[in-house]
Structures are given as structure tokens and as C-alpha cells.
Amino acid sequence: MSDIKNFDILFPNSGMDLTQTESTTTNSSTATEGMSFSEILESTLTDVNALQHDSRESVQMALSGDSSVDIAETMVALQKADASLKMTLEVRNKLLTAYQELIKTQI
């Protein structure tokens, strides 16, 4: 997953850009400023869900024999949905690992 340079391809409405350096991130205002973690998470999950639905609809249209469906676009939609789901799962795994480490911390 480290090869993904532009987060906006996978999650177009998230407002996050992984290509920004640390210094430009602190100086620029982002679309997520003022949003809580739960709002950002909800928005991102909504985007992933939309990509999954779009790819499913595209495949169903292609399988039904609709001549207006481009197979290449269908494959791109499937790849976007797959990549976004994999990215979401990796983020979830990292959050769970961080939570488990936090729980192990003794006060």
C-alpha cells in the first residue's frame, strides 16, 4: 500500500492528500480542519461504500449485456473499490494495533 501516492483517487471526498510534506501540511488549511475524527471516519467509510456500490452496478450492467458499459471502465471501478477496501482494512488494522498497545500501557 505504500505505493499509493494520492489518497484522493481512493477517497475523493476525504480532503486528504498524502503527497503533502509535513511542512506544507502545517501551513495549509485542509478540508478536514474542524472535523472530528468520527466525522472524517464516517465520510471515508461512506466514500468506500459508494465505490463498492458503483463497481457492483457497473459489473451488473456489463453482465446484463448493456452495450453502453465500457469493460475498461468497469475494471477501473473494480480496482478502485478493491484498493479502497484494502486501504480501509489496513487503517483499521493499524488503529486496532495502536489501541491494543495503548491498553497494554501501564499507568
PDB file of N, CA and C in Angstrom:
ATOM      1  N   MET A   1       0.804  -1.200   0.000  1.00  0.00           N
ATOM      2  CA  MET A   1       0.000   0.000   0.000  1.00  0.00           C
ATOM      3  C   MET A   1       0.848   1.265   0.000  1.00  0.00           C
ATOM      4  N   SER A   2       2.145   1.131   0.236  1.00  0.00           N
ATOM      5  CA  SER A   2       2.985   2.315   0.315  1.00  0.00           C
ATOM      6  C   SER A   2       3.186   2.971  -1.050  1.00  0.00           C
ATOM      7  N   ASP A   3       2.793   2.286  -2.132  1.00  0.00           N
ATOM      8  CA  ASP A   3       2.934   2.852  -3.458  1.00  0.00           C
ATOM      9  C   ASP A   3       1.844   3.859  -3.792  1.00  0.00           C
ATOM     10  N   ILE A   4       0.818   3.932  -2.976  1.00  0.00           N
ATOM     11  CA  ILE A   4      -0.272   4.860  -3.241  1.00  0.00           C
ATOM     12  C   ILE A   4       0.174   6.258  -2.863  1.00  0.00           C
ATOM     13  N   LYS A   5       0.241   7.139  -3.849  1.00  0.00           N
ATOM     14  CA  LYS A   5       0.724   8.499  -3.622  1.00  0.00           C
ATOM     15  C   LYS A   5      -0.396   9.501  -3.449  1.00  0.00           C
ATOM     16  N   ASN A   6      -1.550   9.245  -4.050  1.00  0.00           N
ATOM     17  CA  ASN A   6      -2.623  10.223  -3.998  1.00  0.00           C
ATOM     18  C   ASN A   6      -3.857   9.597  -3.371  1.00  0.00           C
ATOM     19  N   PHE A   7      -4.133   9.960  -2.149  1.00  0.00           N
ATOM     20  CA  PHE A   7      -5.250   9.435  -1.381  1.00  0.00           C
ATOM     21  C   PHE A   7      -6.579   9.812  -2.023  1.00  0.00           C
ATOM     22  N   ASP A   8      -6.625  10.929  -2.752  1.00  0.00           N
ATOM     23  CA  ASP A   8      -7.860  11.406  -3.346  1.00  0.00           C
ATOM     24  C   ASP A   8      -8.398  10.481  -4.425  1.00  0.00           C
ATOM     25  N   ILE A   9      -7.547   9.671  -5.033  1.00  0.00           N
ATOM     26  CA  ILE A   9      -8.022   8.725  -6.035  1.00  0.00           C
ATOM     27  C   ILE A   9      -8.931   7.698  -5.382  1.00  0.00           C
ATOM     28  N   LEU A  10      -8.549   7.245  -4.190  1.00  0.00           N
ATOM     29  CA  LEU A  10      -9.326   6.231  -3.498  1.00  0.00           C
ATOM     30  C   LEU A  10     -10.503   6.818  -2.744  1.00  0.00           C
ATOM     31  N   PHE A  11     -10.291   7.967  -2.107  1.00  0.00           N
ATOM     32  CA  PHE A  11     -11.319   8.602  -1.307  1.00  0.00           C
ATOM     33  C   PHE A  11     -11.465  10.046  -1.756  1.00  0.00           C
ATOM     34  N   PRO A  12     -12.211  10.294  -2.828  1.00  0.00           N
ATOM     35  CA  PRO A  12     -12.244  11.635  -3.419  1.00  0.00           C
ATOM     36  C   PRO A  12     -12.811  12.721  -2.522  1.00  0.00           C
ATOM     37  N   ASN A  13     -13.650  12.409  -1.571  1.00  0.00           N
ATOM     38  CA  ASN A  13     -14.276  13.433  -0.736  1.00  0.00           C
ATOM     39  C   ASN A  13     -13.620  13.601   0.617  1.00  0.00           C
ATOM     40  N   SER A  14     -12.498  12.930   0.836  1.00  0.00           N
ATOM     41  CA  SER A  14     -11.895  12.965   2.159  1.00  0.00           C
ATOM     42  C   SER A  14     -11.144  14.261   2.437  1.00  0.00           C
ATOM     43  N   GLY A  15     -10.661  14.940   1.397  1.00  0.00           N
ATOM     44  CA  GLY A  15      -9.925  16.175   1.589  1.00  0.00           C
ATOM     45  C   GLY A  15      -8.499  15.962   2.034  1.00  0.00           C
ATOM     46  N   MET A  16      -8.023  14.713   2.055  1.00  0.00           N
ATOM     47  CA  MET A  16      -6.665  14.420   2.479  1.00  0.00           C
ATOM     48  C   MET A  16      -5.778  14.206   1.271  1.00  0.00           C
ATOM     49  N   ASP A  17      -4.549  14.677   1.345  1.00  0.00           N
ATOM     50  CA  ASP A  17      -3.588  14.488   0.277  1.00  0.00           C
ATOM     51  C   ASP A  17      -2.288  14.002   0.889  1.00  0.00           C
ATOM     52  N   LEU A  18      -1.934  12.743   0.622  1.00  0.00           N
ATOM     53  CA  LEU A  18      -0.738  12.168   1.219  1.00  0.00           C
ATOM     54  C   LEU A  18       0.536  12.658   0.559  1.00  0.00           C
ATOM     55  N   THR A  19       0.440  13.378  -0.543  1.00  0.00           N
ATOM     56  CA  THR A  19       1.630  13.868  -1.227  1.00  0.00           C
ATOM     57  C   THR A  19       2.166  15.129  -0.584  1.00  0.00           C
ATOM     58  N   GLN A  20       1.405  15.732   0.330  1.00  0.00           N
ATOM     59  CA  GLN A  20       1.878  16.934   1.009  1.00  0.00           C
ATOM     60  C   GLN A  20       2.989  16.564   1.974  1.00  0.00           C
ATOM     61  N   THR A  21       3.959  17.451   2.077  1.00  0.00           N
ATOM     62  CA  THR A  21       5.018  17.225   3.058  1.00  0.00           C
ATOM     63  C   THR A  21       4.551  17.726   4.408  1.00  0.00           C
ATOM     64  N   GLU A  22       5.291  17.404   5.422  1.00  0.00           N
ATOM     65  CA  GLU A  22       4.894  17.781   6.779  1.00  0.00           C
ATOM     66  C   GLU A  22       4.834  19.295   6.946  1.00  0.00           C
ATOM     67  N   SER A  23       5.763  20.015   6.329  1.00  0.00           N
ATOM     68  CA  SER A  23       5.782  21.464   6.494  1.00  0.00           C
ATOM     69  C   SER A  23       4.614  22.131   5.788  1.00  0.00           C
ATOM     70  N   THR A  24       4.201  21.619   4.629  1.00  0.00           N
ATOM     71  CA  THR A  24       3.071  22.230   3.937  1.00  0.00           C
ATOM     72  C   THR A  24       1.764  21.861   4.603  1.00  0.00           C
ATOM     73  N   THR A  25       1.721  20.722   5.270  1.00  0.00           N
ATOM     74  CA  THR A  25       0.504  20.326   5.959  1.00  0.00           C
ATOM     75  C   THR A  25       0.217  21.252   7.127  1.00  0.00           C
ATOM     76  N   THR A  26       1.241  21.662   7.845  1.00  0.00           N
ATOM     77  CA  THR A  26       1.016  22.529   8.992  1.00  0.00           C
ATOM     78  C   THR A  26       0.675  23.948   8.565  1.00  0.00           C
ATOM     79  N   ASN A  27       1.116  24.378   7.393  1.00  0.00           N
ATOM     80  CA  ASN A  27       0.863  25.739   6.942  1.00  0.00           C
ATOM     81  C   ASN A  27      -0.432  25.895   6.161  1.00  0.00           C
ATOM     82  N   SER A  28      -0.949  24.817   5.606  1.00  0.00           N
ATOM     83  CA  SER A  28      -2.140  24.935   4.780  1.00  0.00           C
ATOM     84  C   SER A  28      -3.360  24.452   5.544  1.00  0.00           C
ATOM     85  N   SER A  29      -4.493  25.050   5.233  1.00  0.00           N
ATOM     86  CA  SER A  29      -5.725  24.578   5.852  1.00  0.00           C
ATOM     87  C   SER A  29      -6.303  23.486   4.970  1.00  0.00           C
ATOM     88  N   THR A  30      -6.767  22.421   5.588  1.00  0.00           N
ATOM     89  CA  THR A  30      -7.320  21.306   4.833  1.00  0.00           C
ATOM     90  C   THR A  30      -8.822  21.277   5.001  1.00  0.00           C
ATOM     91  N   ALA A  31      -9.460  20.465   4.205  1.00  0.00           N
ATOM     92  CA  ALA A  31     -10.912  20.342   4.272  1.00  0.00           C
ATOM     93  C   ALA A  31     -11.350  19.648   5.550  1.00  0.00           C
ATOM     94  N   THR A  32     -10.432  18.936   6.191  1.00  0.00           N
ATOM     95  CA  THR A  32     -10.781  18.208   7.409  1.00  0.00           C
ATOM     96  C   THR A  32     -10.599  19.039   8.671  1.00  0.00           C
ATOM     97  N   GLU A  33     -10.132  20.271   8.518  1.00  0.00           N
ATOM     98  CA  GLU A  33      -9.932  21.123   9.691  1.00  0.00           C
ATOM     99  C   GLU A  33     -11.272  21.413  10.347  1.00  0.00           C
ATOM    100  N   GLY A  34     -11.322  21.194  11.630  1.00  0.00           N
ATOM    101  CA  GLY A  34     -12.556  21.430  12.358  1.00  0.00           C
ATOM    102  C   GLY A  34     -13.476  20.225  12.407  1.00  0.00           C
ATOM    103  N   MET A  35     -13.146  19.179  11.673  1.00  0.00           N
ATOM    104  CA  MET A  35     -13.953  17.970  11.692  1.00  0.00           C
ATOM    105  C   MET A  35     -13.425  17.032  12.772  1.00  0.00           C
ATOM    106  N   SER A  36     -14.317  16.347  13.423  1.00  0.00           N
ATOM    107  CA  SER A  36     -13.895  15.380  14.432  1.00  0.00           C
ATOM    108  C   SER A  36     -13.422  14.100  13.743  1.00  0.00           C
ATOM    109  N   PHE A  37     -12.721  13.279  14.495  1.00  0.00           N
ATOM    110  CA  PHE A  37     -12.231  12.012  13.954  1.00  0.00           C
ATOM    111  C   PHE A  37     -13.382  11.144  13.460  1.00  0.00           C
ATOM    112  N   SER A  38     -14.470  11.119  14.211  1.00  0.00           N
ATOM    113  CA  SER A  38     -15.608  10.287  13.811  1.00  0.00           C
ATOM    114  C   SER A  38     -16.250  10.786  12.512  1.00  0.00           C
ATOM    115  N   GLU A  39     -16.269  12.108  12.308  1.00  0.00           N
ATOM    116  CA  GLU A  39     -16.815  12.658  11.061  1.00  0.00           C
ATOM    117  C   GLU A  39     -15.933  12.303   9.872  1.00  0.00           C
ATOM    118  N   ILE A  40     -14.625  12.376  10.056  1.00  0.00           N
ATOM    119  CA  ILE A  40     -13.690  12.012   8.985  1.00  0.00           C
ATOM    120  C   ILE A  40     -13.822  10.532   8.672  1.00  0.00           C
ATOM    121  N   LEU A  41     -13.892   9.715   9.711  1.00  0.00           N
ATOM    122  CA  LEU A  41     -14.032   8.278   9.530  1.00  0.00           C
ATOM    123  C   LEU A  41     -15.336   7.940   8.817  1.00  0.00           C
ATOM    124  N   GLU A  42     -16.418   8.569   9.224  1.00  0.00           N
ATOM    125  CA  GLU A  42     -17.712   8.333   8.594  1.00  0.00           C
ATOM    126  C   GLU A  42     -17.697   8.737   7.123  1.00  0.00           C
ATOM    127  N   SER A  43     -17.096   9.875   6.820  1.00  0.00           N
ATOM    128  CA  SER A  43     -17.004  10.350   5.444  1.00  0.00           C
ATOM    129  C   SER A  43     -16.193   9.386   4.579  1.00  0.00           C
ATOM    130  N   THR A  44     -15.088   8.919   5.121  1.00  0.00           N
ATOM    131  CA  THR A  44     -14.232   7.994   4.377  1.00  0.00           C
ATOM    132  C   THR A  44     -14.935   6.666   4.145  1.00  0.00           C
ATOM    133  N   LEU A  45     -15.610   6.151   5.164  1.00  0.00           N
ATOM    134  CA  LEU A  45     -16.336   4.892   5.002  1.00  0.00           C
ATOM    135  C   LEU A  45     -17.491   5.029   4.012  1.00  0.00           C
ATOM    136  N   THR A  46     -18.113   6.192   3.992  1.00  0.00           N
ATOM    137  CA  THR A  46     -19.173   6.454   3.017  1.00  0.00           C
ATOM    138  C   THR A  46     -18.603   6.431   1.599  1.00  0.00           C
ATOM    139  N   ASP A  47     -17.413   7.012   1.414  1.00  0.00           N
ATOM    140  CA  ASP A  47     -16.764   7.003   0.108  1.00  0.00           C
ATOM    141  C   ASP A  47     -16.413   5.581  -0.335  1.00  0.00           C
ATOM    142  N   VAL A  48     -15.903   4.782   0.599  1.00  0.00           N
ATOM    143  CA  VAL A  48     -15.565   3.385   0.284  1.00  0.00           C
ATOM    144  C   VAL A  48     -16.827   2.631  -0.107  1.00  0.00           C
ATOM    145  N   ASN A  49     -17.887   2.835   0.632  1.00  0.00           N
ATOM    146  CA  ASN A  49     -19.154   2.175   0.343  1.00  0.00           C
ATOM    147  C   ASN A  49     -19.680   2.583  -1.037  1.00  0.00           C
ATOM    148  N   ALA A  50     -19.570   3.866  -1.363  1.00  0.00           N
ATOM    149  CA  ALA A  50     -20.025   4.340  -2.674  1.00  0.00           C
ATOM    150  C   ALA A  50     -19.216   3.703  -3.804  1.00  0.00           C
ATOM    151  N   LEU A  51     -17.912   3.578  -3.618  1.00  0.00           N
ATOM    152  CA  LEU A  51     -17.084   2.926  -4.630  1.00  0.00           C
ATOM    153  C   LEU A  51     -17.477   1.461  -4.798  1.00  0.00           C
ATOM    154  N   GLN A  52     -17.797   0.789  -3.689  1.00  0.00           N
ATOM    155  CA  GLN A  52     -18.225  -0.607  -3.759  1.00  0.00           C
ATOM    156  C   GLN A  52     -19.544  -0.730  -4.535  1.00  0.00           C
ATOM    157  N   HIS A  53     -20.495   0.152  -4.246  1.00  0.00           N
ATOM    158  CA  HIS A  53     -21.782   0.126  -4.942  1.00  0.00           C
ATOM    159  C   HIS A  53     -21.619   0.444  -6.430  1.00  0.00           C
ATOM    160  N   ASP A  54     -20.799   1.443  -6.745  1.00  0.00           N
ATOM    161  CA  ASP A  54     -20.574   1.805  -8.151  1.00  0.00           C
ATOM    162  C   ASP A  54     -19.973   0.651  -8.932  1.00  0.00           C
ATOM    163  N   SER A  55     -19.009  -0.028  -8.335  1.00  0.00           N
ATOM    164  CA  SER A  55     -18.383  -1.147  -9.039  1.00  0.00           C
ATOM    165  C   SER A  55     -19.372  -2.294  -9.206  1.00  0.00           C
ATOM    166  N   ARG A  56     -20.185  -2.546  -8.186  1.00  0.00           N
ATOM    167  CA  ARG A  56     -21.189  -3.609  -8.280  1.00  0.00           C
ATOM    168  C   ARG A  56     -22.195  -3.311  -9.387  1.00  0.00           C
ATOM    169  N   GLU A  57     -22.666  -2.064  -9.458  1.00  0.00           N
ATOM    170  CA  GLU A  57     -23.620  -1.675 -10.501  1.00  0.00           C
ATOM    171  C   GLU A  57     -22.995  -1.796 -11.886  1.00  0.00           C
ATOM    172  N   SER A  58     -21.757  -1.377 -12.005  1.00  0.00           N
ATOM    173  CA  SER A  58     -21.064  -1.452 -13.286  1.00  0.00           C
ATOM    174  C   SER A  58     -20.913  -2.894 -13.751  1.00  0.00           C
ATOM    175  N   VAL A  59     -20.574  -3.787 -12.840  1.00  0.00           N
ATOM    176  CA  VAL A  59     -20.441  -5.208 -13.183  1.00  0.00           C
ATOM    177  C   VAL A  59     -21.797  -5.789 -13.565  1.00  0.00           C
ATOM    178  N   GLN A  60     -22.834  -5.456 -12.817  1.00  0.00           N
ATOM    179  CA  GLN A  60     -24.166  -5.973 -13.131  1.00  0.00           C
ATOM    180  C   GLN A  60     -24.632  -5.508 -14.500  1.00  0.00           C
ATOM    181  N   MET A  61     -24.342  -4.249 -14.841  1.00  0.00           N
ATOM    182  CA  MET A  61     -24.717  -3.736 -16.157  1.00  0.00           C
ATOM    183  C   MET A  61     -23.931  -4.449 -17.261  1.00  0.00           C
ATOM    184  N   ALA A  62     -22.645  -4.698 -17.013  1.00  0.00           N
ATOM    185  CA  ALA A  62     -21.827  -5.388 -18.001  1.00  0.00           C
ATOM    186  C   ALA A  62     -22.299  -6.826 -18.188  1.00  0.00           C
ATOM    187  N   LEU A  63     -22.670  -7.491 -17.096  1.00  0.00           N
ATOM    188  CA  LEU A  63     -23.133  -8.870 -17.182  1.00  0.00           C
ATOM    189  C   LEU A  63     -24.506  -8.986 -17.840  1.00  0.00           C
ATOM    190  N   SER A  64     -25.303  -7.937 -17.731  1.00  0.00           N
ATOM    191  CA  SER A  64     -26.632  -7.975 -18.343  1.00  0.00           C
ATOM    192  C   SER A  64     -26.570  -7.725 -19.843  1.00  0.00           C
ATOM    193  N   GLY A  65     -25.396  -7.399 -20.358  1.00  0.00           N
ATOM    194  CA  GLY A  65     -25.243  -7.212 -21.795  1.00  0.00           C
ATOM    195  C   GLY A  65     -25.476  -5.792 -22.263  1.00  0.00           C
ATOM    196  N   ASP A  66     -25.490  -4.845 -21.359  1.00  0.00           N
ATOM    197  CA  ASP A  66     -25.675  -3.433 -21.710  1.00  0.00           C
ATOM    198  C   ASP A  66     -24.500  -2.976 -22.569  1.00  0.00           C
ATOM    199  N   SER A  67     -24.792  -2.523 -23.774  1.00  0.00           N
ATOM    200  CA  SER A  67     -23.730  -2.143 -24.713  1.00  0.00           C
ATOM    201  C   SER A  67     -23.097  -0.791 -24.379  1.00  0.00           C
ATOM    202  N   SER A  68     -23.727  -0.022 -23.492  1.00  0.00           N
ATOM    203  CA  SER A  68     -23.169   1.284 -23.138  1.00  0.00           C
ATOM    204  C   SER A  68     -22.065   1.188 -22.082  1.00  0.00           C
ATOM    205  N   VAL A  69     -21.856   0.003 -21.543  1.00  0.00           N
ATOM    206  CA  VAL A  69     -20.854  -0.181 -20.497  1.00  0.00           C
ATOM    207  C   VAL A  69     -19.508  -0.495 -21.127  1.00  0.00           C
ATOM    208  N   ASP A  70     -18.512   0.278 -20.736  1.00  0.00           N
ATOM    209  CA  ASP A  70     -17.148   0.044 -21.203  1.00  0.00           C
ATOM    210  C   ASP A  70     -16.470  -0.910 -20.220  1.00  0.00           C
ATOM    211  N   ILE A  71     -15.940  -2.009 -20.742  1.00  0.00           N
ATOM    212  CA  ILE A  71     -15.308  -3.006 -19.880  1.00  0.00           C
ATOM    213  C   ILE A  71     -14.106  -2.414 -19.148  1.00  0.00           C
ATOM    214  N   ALA A  72     -13.360  -1.555 -19.810  1.00  0.00           N
ATOM    215  CA  ALA A  72     -12.188  -0.940 -19.176  1.00  0.00           C
ATOM    216  C   ALA A  72     -12.610  -0.086 -17.980  1.00  0.00           C
ATOM    217  N   GLU A  73     -13.671   0.680 -18.125  1.00  0.00           N
ATOM    218  CA  GLU A  73     -14.167   1.492 -17.023  1.00  0.00           C
ATOM    219  C   GLU A  73     -14.681   0.617 -15.878  1.00  0.00           C
ATOM    220  N   THR A  74     -15.280  -0.502 -16.232  1.00  0.00           N
ATOM    221  CA  THR A  74     -15.747  -1.447 -15.217  1.00  0.00           C
ATOM    222  C   THR A  74     -14.569  -2.005 -14.426  1.00  0.00           C
ATOM    223  N   MET A  75     -13.503  -2.354 -15.123  1.00  0.00           N
ATOM    224  CA  MET A  75     -12.320  -2.877 -14.460  1.00  0.00           C
ATOM    225  C   MET A  75     -11.664  -1.819 -13.578  1.00  0.00           C
ATOM    226  N   VAL A  76     -11.643  -0.578 -14.033  1.00  0.00           N
ATOM    227  CA  VAL A  76     -11.084   0.514 -13.220  1.00  0.00           C
ATOM    228  C   VAL A  76     -11.925   0.710 -11.963  1.00  0.00           C
ATOM    229  N   ALA A  77     -13.243   0.649 -12.109  1.00  0.00           N
ATOM    230  CA  ALA A  77     -14.124   0.786 -10.947  1.00  0.00           C
ATOM    231  C   ALA A  77     -13.886  -0.343  -9.949  1.00  0.00           C
ATOM    232  N   LEU A  78     -13.700  -1.559 -10.451  1.00  0.00           N
ATOM    233  CA  LEU A  78     -13.413  -2.692  -9.571  1.00  0.00           C
ATOM    234  C   LEU A  78     -12.087  -2.516  -8.851  1.00  0.00           C
ATOM    235  N   GLN A  79     -11.074  -2.041  -9.565  1.00  0.00           N
ATOM    236  CA  GLN A  79      -9.762  -1.838  -8.956  1.00  0.00           C
ATOM    237  C   GLN A  79      -9.802  -0.737  -7.899  1.00  0.00           C
ATOM    238  N   LYS A  80     -10.528   0.345  -8.171  1.00  0.00           N
ATOM    239  CA  LYS A  80     -10.668   1.421  -7.182  1.00  0.00           C
ATOM    240  C   LYS A  80     -11.366   0.916  -5.926  1.00  0.00           C
ATOM    241  N   ALA A  81     -12.434   0.135  -6.124  1.00  0.00           N
ATOM    242  CA  ALA A  81     -13.168  -0.402  -4.984  1.00  0.00           C
ATOM    243  C   ALA A  81     -12.288  -1.351  -4.179  1.00  0.00           C
ATOM    244  N   ASP A  82     -11.524  -2.180  -4.869  1.00  0.00           N
ATOM    245  CA  ASP A  82     -10.633  -3.123  -4.193  1.00  0.00           C
ATOM    246  C   ASP A  82      -9.539  -2.393  -3.423  1.00  0.00           C
ATOM    247  N   ALA A  83      -8.922  -1.423  -4.050  1.00  0.00           N
ATOM    248  CA  ALA A  83      -7.836  -0.677  -3.399  1.00  0.00           C
ATOM    249  C   ALA A  83      -8.356   0.108  -2.200  1.00  0.00           C
ATOM    250  N   SER A  84      -9.522   0.718  -2.331  1.00  0.00           N
ATOM    251  CA  SER A  84     -10.067   1.493  -1.217  1.00  0.00           C
ATOM    252  C   SER A  84     -10.435   0.581  -0.045  1.00  0.00           C
ATOM    253  N   LEU A  85     -10.963  -0.607  -0.341  1.00  0.00           N
ATOM    254  CA  LEU A  85     -11.291  -1.537   0.727  1.00  0.00           C
ATOM    255  C   LEU A  85     -10.029  -2.038   1.420  1.00  0.00           C
ATOM    256  N   LYS A  86      -9.004  -2.344   0.649  1.00  0.00           N
ATOM    257  CA  LYS A  86      -7.737  -2.792   1.237  1.00  0.00           C
ATOM    258  C   LYS A  86      -7.116  -1.693   2.105  1.00  0.00           C
ATOM    259  N   MET A  87      -7.174  -0.464   1.625  1.00  0.00           N
ATOM    260  CA  MET A  87      -6.637   0.657   2.396  1.00  0.00           C
ATOM    261  C   MET A  87      -7.416   0.825   3.700  1.00  0.00           C
ATOM    262  N   THR A  88      -8.725   0.714   3.633  1.00  0.00           N
ATOM    263  CA  THR A  88      -9.558   0.832   4.821  1.00  0.00           C
ATOM    264  C   THR A  88      -9.235  -0.269   5.826  1.00  0.00           C
ATOM    265  N   LEU A  89      -9.048  -1.474   5.343  1.00  0.00           N
ATOM    266  CA  LEU A  89      -8.699  -2.581   6.233  1.00  0.00           C
ATOM    267  C   LEU A  89      -7.337  -2.375   6.878  1.00  0.00           C
ATOM    268  N   GLU A  90      -6.388  -1.852   6.130  1.00  0.00           N
ATOM    269  CA  GLU A  90      -5.065  -1.580   6.699  1.00  0.00           C
ATOM    270  C   GLU A  90      -5.128  -0.492   7.764  1.00  0.00           C
ATOM    271  N   VAL A  91      -5.917   0.536   7.520  1.00  0.00           N
ATOM    272  CA  VAL A  91      -6.082   1.599   8.521  1.00  0.00           C
ATOM    273  C   VAL A  91      -6.741   1.026   9.769  1.00  0.00           C
ATOM    274  N   ARG A  92      -7.752   0.192   9.585  1.00  0.00           N
ATOM    275  CA  ARG A  92      -8.410  -0.453  10.720  1.00  0.00           C
ATOM    276  C   ARG A  92      -7.421  -1.297  11.514  1.00  0.00           C
ATOM    277  N   ASN A  93      -6.595  -2.071  10.798  1.00  0.00           N
ATOM    278  CA  ASN A  93      -5.608  -2.910  11.475  1.00  0.00           C
ATOM    279  C   ASN A  93      -4.615  -2.070  12.276  1.00  0.00           C
ATOM    280  N   LYS A  94      -4.170  -0.956  11.707  1.00  0.00           N
ATOM    281  CA  LYS A  94      -3.245  -0.069  12.417  1.00  0.00           C
ATOM    282  C   LYS A  94      -3.902   0.541  13.651  1.00  0.00           C
ATOM    283  N   LEU A  95      -5.155   0.945  13.525  1.00  0.00           N
ATOM    284  CA  LEU A  95      -5.876   1.506  14.668  1.00  0.00           C
ATOM    285  C   LEU A  95      -6.057   0.466  15.771  1.00  0.00           C
ATOM    286  N   LEU A  96      -6.380  -0.763  15.397  1.00  0.00           N
ATOM    287  CA  LEU A  96      -6.523  -1.820  16.395  1.00  0.00           C
ATOM    288  C   LEU A  96      -5.202  -2.120  17.097  1.00  0.00           C
ATOM    289  N   THR A  97      -4.124  -2.133  16.330  1.00  0.00           N
ATOM    290  CA  THR A  97      -2.806  -2.366  16.922  1.00  0.00           C
ATOM    291  C   THR A  97      -2.446  -1.242  17.890  1.00  0.00           C
ATOM    292  N   ALA A  98      -2.704  -0.011  17.484  1.00  0.00           N
ATOM    293  CA  ALA A  98      -2.418   1.129  18.359  1.00  0.00           C
ATOM    294  C   ALA A  98      -3.279   1.062  19.625  1.00  0.00           C
ATOM    295  N   TYR A  99      -4.536   0.702  19.483  1.00  0.00           N
ATOM    296  CA  TYR A  99      -5.428   0.581  20.637  1.00  0.00           C
ATOM    297  C   TYR A  99      -4.932  -0.510  21.585  1.00  0.00           C
ATOM    298  N   GLN A 100      -4.537  -1.648  21.030  1.00  0.00           N
ATOM    299  CA  GLN A 100      -4.050  -2.743  21.867  1.00  0.00           C
ATOM    300  C   GLN A 100      -2.770  -2.343  22.607  1.00  0.00           C
ATOM    301  N   GLU A 101      -1.902  -1.603  21.942  1.00  0.00           N
ATOM    302  CA  GLU A 101      -0.680  -1.122  22.614  1.00  0.00           C
ATOM    303  C   GLU A 101      -1.028  -0.129  23.710  1.00  0.00           C
ATOM    304  N   LEU A 102      -2.010   0.693  23.470  1.00  0.00           N
ATOM    305  CA  LEU A 102      -2.433   1.664  24.471  1.00  0.00           C
ATOM    306  C   LEU A 102      -3.018   0.973  25.699  1.00  0.00           C
ATOM    307  N   ILE A 103      -3.779  -0.073  25.473  1.00  0.00           N
ATOM    308  CA  ILE A 103      -4.375  -0.836  26.571  1.00  0.00           C
ATOM    309  C   ILE A 103      -3.289  -1.514  27.406  1.00  0.00           C
ATOM    310  N   LYS A 104      -2.211  -1.955  26.758  1.00  0.00           N
ATOM    311  CA  LYS A 104      -1.120  -2.625  27.471  1.00  0.00           C
ATOM    312  C   LYS A 104      -0.282  -1.672  28.310  1.00  0.00           C
ATOM    313  N   THR A 105      -0.361  -0.393  28.018  1.00  0.00           N
ATOM    314  CA  THR A 105       0.432   0.607  28.732  1.00  0.00           C
ATOM    315  C   THR A 105       0.002   0.685  30.194  1.00  0.00           C
ATOM    316  N   GLN A 106       0.978   0.582  31.065  1.00  0.00           N
ATOM    317  CA  GLN A 106       0.674   0.667  32.491  1.00  0.00           C
ATOM    318  C   GLN A 106       0.807   2.113  32.957  1.00  0.00           C
ATOM    319  N   ILE A 107      -0.064   2.478  33.839  1.00  0.00           N
ATOM    320  CA  ILE A 107      -0.066   3.849  34.340  1.00  0.00           C
ATOM    321  C   ILE A 107       0.759   3.946  35.589  1.00  0.00           C
TER     322      ILE A 107
END
